[in-house]
Amino acid sequence: MFTLKVDKEIELQLFQLHHAGELFYLVDTNRHHLRKWLPWVDSIVSPLQYHEIIPMWLRQFSEEKGFNTGIRYKGILKGAAGFNEIDWANSSASIGYYLAADTQGKGIMTRVASALIHHAFYQLGLNRIEVRCGTKNLKSRAIPERLGFTKEGTIRDGEKIHGKFHDLVVYGMLAKDWTRLHT
């Protein structure tokens, strides 16, 4: 099983079927918090749904097309992060992430994103990482901004959430810029 130790408090673990109940509990107890920016939250109504979703994530990982990991903070599942898609032809990937409401403000997601980016550039050999988030999702936008990403533009009506379109801001980081900023 893939794990990535971020630091002494945080570890990323590839989701397995036995995590279905724990993952559902995380989403269910944070439903109000997460649904504002994640269009899929309302469709998750049972832990059994993850018995279909997790095997898709595992297949994605085995085919090296991306992965989804649980964020364990002090051993407790507090969020998820990973590469939504790896585009090997263009040596790029996009990162997605979310965190429980009671765990925000501790620098967890910045540390997680930094570890994923480091893994992408130095272990996977990718050249570009992208983050897309709602223009009004200031907490999510703070992550790439804090890490030195370049704001590349806005995708107008880029995502539909609860029947309404929202603009997305696109941030990019190149391997050469990461090395310059973080060594």
Protein backbone atom coordinates (compact mmCIF):
# COMPACT_ATOMS: atom_id res chain seq x y z
CA MET A 1 0.00 0.00 0.00
CA PHE A 2 1.24 3.48 -0.90
CA THR A 3 1.91 5.82 2.01
CA LEU A 4 3.68 9.14 2.07
CA LYS A 5 5.00 10.46 5.36
CA VAL A 6 4.57 14.23 5.32
CA ASP A 7 5.99 14.94 8.78
CA LYS A 8 5.70 13.64 12.35
CA GLU A 9 1.97 14.53 12.47
CA ILE A 10 0.75 13.80 8.95
CA GLU A 11 0.76 10.74 6.72
CA LEU A 12 -0.98 10.18 3.39
CA GLN A 13 -2.42 6.69 2.88
CA LEU A 14 -3.84 5.26 -0.31
CA PHE A 15 -7.51 4.50 0.34
CA GLN A 16 -8.41 0.81 0.68
CA LEU A 17 -11.85 -0.81 0.95
CA HIS A 18 -11.59 -1.09 4.74
CA HIS A 19 -11.51 2.74 4.87
CA ALA A 20 -15.04 3.06 3.42
CA GLY A 21 -16.84 3.58 6.74
CA GLU A 22 -14.23 5.98 8.08
CA LEU A 23 -14.24 7.99 4.84
CA PHE A 24 -18.03 8.18 4.83
CA TYR A 25 -18.00 9.40 8.43
CA LEU A 26 -15.50 12.12 7.49
CA VAL A 27 -17.65 13.33 4.59
CA ASP A 28 -20.94 12.96 6.47
CA THR A 29 -19.80 14.89 9.56
CA ASN A 30 -18.34 17.63 7.34
CA ARG A 31 -21.13 17.65 4.79
CA HIS A 32 -22.21 21.25 5.36
CA HIS A 33 -18.61 22.46 5.24
CA LEU A 34 -17.61 20.46 2.14
CA ARG A 35 -20.72 20.80 -0.02
CA LYS A 36 -20.10 24.49 -0.69
CA TRP A 37 -17.16 23.70 -2.98
CA LEU A 38 -17.41 19.98 -3.80
CA PRO A 39 -20.25 19.05 -6.15
CA TRP A 40 -20.22 15.33 -5.30
CA VAL A 41 -20.80 15.61 -1.52
CA ASP A 42 -24.61 15.44 -1.62
CA SER A 43 -24.50 12.27 -3.72
CA ILE A 44 -22.60 10.36 -1.01
CA VAL A 45 -25.32 8.93 1.23
CA SER A 46 -23.88 5.58 2.33
CA PRO A 47 -20.48 4.08 3.15
CA LEU A 48 -21.33 1.31 0.67
CA GLN A 49 -20.87 3.79 -2.18
CA TYR A 50 -17.16 3.81 -1.40
CA HIS A 51 -17.10 0.07 -2.17
CA GLU A 52 -17.49 1.12 -5.81
CA ILE A 53 -15.44 4.31 -5.67
CA ILE A 54 -12.33 3.03 -3.85
CA PRO A 55 -11.67 0.22 -6.39
CA MET A 56 -11.79 2.88 -9.14
CA TRP A 57 -9.20 4.90 -7.21
CA LEU A 58 -7.04 1.79 -6.74
CA ARG A 59 -7.25 1.01 -10.45
CA GLN A 60 -6.29 4.63 -11.22
CA PHE A 61 -3.27 4.21 -8.94
CA SER A 62 -2.24 0.84 -10.44
CA GLU A 63 -2.49 2.31 -13.95
CA GLU A 64 -0.39 5.32 -12.81
CA LYS A 65 -3.12 7.76 -13.84
CA GLY A 66 -3.48 9.43 -10.45
CA PHE A 67 -4.30 8.59 -6.86
CA ASN A 68 -6.43 9.56 -3.90
CA THR A 69 -5.07 9.35 -0.37
CA GLY A 70 -6.47 9.88 3.07
CA ILE A 71 -4.86 12.59 5.15
CA ARG A 72 -4.11 11.15 8.57
CA TYR A 73 -3.40 13.84 11.14
CA LYS A 74 -2.13 12.31 14.37
CA GLY A 75 -3.47 8.99 13.09
CA ILE A 76 -7.04 10.18 12.44
CA LEU A 77 -8.53 10.56 8.95
CA LYS A 78 -9.07 14.30 8.52
CA GLY A 79 -9.20 14.82 4.76
CA ALA A 80 -8.17 13.61 1.34
CA ALA A 81 -5.64 14.73 -1.24
CA GLY A 82 -4.07 13.41 -4.36
CA PHE A 83 -3.58 13.72 -8.07
CA ASN A 84 -6.94 13.85 -9.82
CA GLU A 85 -5.22 12.99 -13.05
CA ILE A 86 -1.65 12.43 -14.22
CA ASP A 87 -1.02 13.37 -17.83
CA TRP A 88 2.18 11.49 -18.69
CA ALA A 89 2.25 12.77 -22.28
CA ASN A 90 2.58 16.33 -20.97
CA SER A 91 4.34 15.44 -17.71
CA SER A 92 1.71 17.18 -15.61
CA ALA A 93 -0.87 16.53 -12.91
CA SER A 94 -3.64 18.32 -11.08
CA ILE A 95 -3.99 18.22 -7.31
CA GLY A 96 -7.28 18.00 -5.46
CA TYR A 97 -7.80 18.21 -1.71
CA TYR A 98 -10.24 18.75 1.14
CA LEU A 99 -9.96 18.90 4.91
CA ALA A 100 -12.32 18.48 7.87
CA ALA A 101 -13.59 21.77 9.26
CA ASP A 102 -12.16 21.12 12.73
CA THR A 103 -8.67 20.65 11.35
CA GLN A 104 -8.31 23.84 9.33
CA GLY A 105 -5.90 26.57 10.33
CA LYS A 106 -3.09 24.23 11.40
CA GLY A 107 -1.09 24.35 8.15
CA ILE A 108 -2.00 20.74 7.39
CA MET A 109 -3.07 21.23 3.79
CA THR A 110 -0.06 23.38 2.95
CA ARG A 111 2.24 20.63 4.26
CA VAL A 112 0.25 17.95 2.40
CA ALA A 113 0.29 19.85 -0.89
CA SER A 114 4.00 20.54 -0.52
CA ALA A 115 4.72 16.84 0.02
CA LEU A 116 2.60 15.85 -2.98
CA ILE A 117 4.32 18.41 -5.19
CA HIS A 118 7.74 17.26 -4.01
CA HIS A 119 6.72 13.66 -4.78
CA ALA A 120 5.46 14.66 -8.24
CA PHE A 121 8.61 16.50 -9.23
CA TYR A 122 11.31 14.37 -7.59
CA GLN A 123 9.83 10.85 -7.54
CA LEU A 124 7.50 10.88 -10.53
CA GLY A 125 9.58 13.24 -12.66
CA LEU A 126 6.66 15.47 -13.64
CA ASN A 127 7.19 19.00 -14.94
CA ARG A 128 3.93 20.79 -14.07
CA ILE A 129 1.37 20.74 -11.25
CA GLU A 130 -1.95 22.52 -11.50
CA VAL A 131 -4.51 23.50 -8.87
CA ARG A 132 -8.01 24.65 -9.78
CA CYS A 133 -10.38 26.06 -7.19
CA GLY A 134 -13.41 28.29 -6.95
CA THR A 135 -12.52 31.96 -7.24
CA LYS A 136 -14.42 32.60 -4.00
CA ASN A 137 -12.90 29.62 -2.17
CA LEU A 138 -10.26 31.69 -0.39
CA LYS A 139 -9.06 28.90 1.93
CA SER A 140 -8.39 26.58 -0.98
CA ARG A 141 -6.75 29.34 -3.01
CA ALA A 142 -4.44 30.17 -0.10
CA ILE A 143 -2.63 26.82 -0.52
CA PRO A 144 -1.13 27.37 -3.99
CA GLU A 145 -0.60 31.05 -3.25
CA ARG A 146 1.33 30.21 -0.06
CA LEU A 147 3.45 27.69 -1.99
CA GLY A 148 4.44 30.17 -4.71
CA PHE A 149 2.25 28.95 -7.57
CA THR A 150 1.60 31.30 -10.48
CA LYS A 151 -2.00 32.40 -10.95
CA GLU A 152 -2.50 31.60 -14.62
CA GLY A 153 -6.07 32.63 -15.23
CA THR A 154 -9.76 32.09 -14.64
CA ILE A 155 -12.05 29.55 -16.23
CA ARG A 156 -15.41 31.26 -16.44
CA ASP A 157 -18.31 29.03 -15.35
CA GLY A 158 -15.76 26.24 -14.95
CA GLU A 159 -17.75 24.19 -12.46
CA LYS A 160 -21.40 23.61 -11.69
CA ILE A 161 -22.26 23.20 -8.01
CA HIS A 162 -25.85 22.84 -6.81
CA GLY A 163 -27.25 24.07 -10.10
CA LYS A 164 -25.10 27.20 -10.33
CA PHE A 165 -21.97 27.80 -12.32
CA HIS A 166 -18.85 29.09 -10.58
CA ASP A 167 -15.62 30.47 -11.95
CA LEU A 168 -12.40 28.57 -11.28
CA VAL A 169 -8.97 30.09 -10.80
CA VAL A 170 -6.05 28.10 -12.24
CA TYR A 171 -2.66 28.00 -10.53
CA GLY A 172 0.44 26.36 -12.00
CA MET A 173 3.84 25.32 -10.70
CA LEU A 174 6.75 24.11 -12.82
CA ALA A 175 9.46 21.79 -11.52
CA LYS A 176 12.18 24.38 -12.18
CA ASP A 177 10.26 27.03 -10.23
CA TRP A 178 9.62 24.65 -7.34
CA THR A 179 13.32 23.81 -7.13
CA ARG A 180 14.20 27.51 -7.17
CA LEU A 181 11.63 28.40 -4.50
CA HIS A 182 12.02 25.40 -2.18
CA THR A 183 15.72 24.52 -2.02
